[in-house]
Amino acid sequence: MMSATLNAYDATEVRLAPVEDEARLSQFIQGFLSENGYPFIMVHADGSGARKVVFEDAALSRRFNVLWRRASRSL
């Protein structure tokens, strides 16, 4: 099961369960970057399967969070 939250640093935290979630997140990020002019992005990973997605622009981070939550609910 995938989930996303927005923290005080305007980062989207994504928790990935199965390996397929990693591919879905990658495809989603690629599409988002393409639609938004390829902004600067950082994806931080930890050992538990969590990812933090951070954009240089806080508004883009918030938009990513909203769109990712919508997309992950429909899976």
Protein backbone atom coordinates (compact mmCIF):
# COMPACT_ATOMS: atom_id res chain seq x y z
CA MET A 1 0.00 0.00 0.00
CA MET A 2 1.33 3.45 -0.92
CA SER A 3 0.70 6.60 1.06
CA ALA A 4 1.90 10.20 0.98
CA THR A 5 2.03 13.07 3.45
CA LEU A 6 3.30 16.63 3.25
CA ASN A 7 5.59 17.73 6.08
CA ALA A 8 6.79 21.14 7.23
CA TYR A 9 9.61 21.10 4.68
CA ASP A 10 7.21 20.76 1.72
CA ALA A 11 8.38 17.24 1.01
CA THR A 12 6.12 14.40 0.03
CA GLU A 13 6.89 11.27 2.01
CA VAL A 14 6.00 8.14 0.08
CA ARG A 15 5.97 4.73 1.72
CA LEU A 16 6.35 1.88 -0.73
CA ALA A 17 5.23 -1.65 -0.05
CA PRO A 18 5.71 -4.04 -2.98
CA VAL A 19 8.41 -3.72 -5.63
CA GLU A 20 5.74 -2.66 -8.15
CA ASP A 21 5.18 0.52 -6.13
CA GLU A 22 8.75 1.63 -6.90
CA ALA A 23 8.05 1.41 -10.64
CA ARG A 24 4.74 3.27 -10.25
CA LEU A 25 6.42 6.06 -8.30
CA SER A 26 9.19 6.34 -10.89
CA GLN A 27 6.68 6.57 -13.76
CA PHE A 28 4.61 9.11 -11.84
CA ILE A 29 7.66 11.28 -11.13
CA GLN A 30 8.75 11.13 -14.78
CA GLY A 31 5.32 12.24 -15.96
CA PHE A 32 5.12 15.00 -13.37
CA LEU A 33 8.56 16.32 -14.32
CA SER A 34 7.67 16.30 -18.01
CA GLU A 35 4.41 18.18 -17.41
CA ASN A 36 6.13 20.81 -15.25
CA GLY A 37 9.21 21.66 -17.33
CA TYR A 38 11.65 19.32 -15.56
CA PRO A 39 12.12 21.22 -12.28
CA PHE A 40 14.90 20.37 -9.83
CA ILE A 41 13.91 17.40 -7.67
CA MET A 42 15.52 15.39 -4.89
CA VAL A 43 14.34 11.95 -3.83
CA HIS A 44 15.71 10.80 -0.49
CA ALA A 45 15.49 7.08 0.34
CA ASP A 46 15.86 5.30 3.64
CA GLY A 47 16.17 1.61 4.38
CA SER A 48 12.52 1.13 5.29
CA GLY A 49 11.14 1.73 1.80
CA ALA A 50 10.20 5.34 2.43
CA ARG A 51 11.02 8.06 -0.08
CA LYS A 52 10.92 11.83 0.41
CA VAL A 53 10.27 13.76 -2.78
CA VAL A 54 11.35 17.40 -2.58
CA PHE A 55 11.17 20.06 -5.28
CA GLU A 56 13.08 23.34 -5.36
CA ASP A 57 9.73 25.15 -5.52
CA ALA A 58 7.43 24.56 -2.53
CA ALA A 59 4.32 25.07 -4.69
CA LEU A 60 5.44 22.21 -6.95
CA SER A 61 6.05 20.03 -3.90
CA ARG A 62 2.50 20.68 -2.72
CA ARG A 63 1.06 20.04 -6.19
CA PHE A 64 3.05 16.79 -6.45
CA ASN A 65 1.71 15.72 -3.06
CA VAL A 66 -1.91 16.32 -4.05
CA LEU A 67 -1.57 14.54 -7.39
CA TRP A 68 0.37 11.61 -5.92
CA ARG A 69 -2.23 11.09 -3.19
CA ARG A 70 -5.00 11.07 -5.81
CA ALA A 71 -3.07 8.60 -7.96
CA SER A 72 -2.19 6.30 -5.07
CA ARG A 73 -5.82 6.14 -3.92
CA SER A 74 -6.90 4.88 -7.33
CA LEU A 75 -4.47 1.92 -7.25
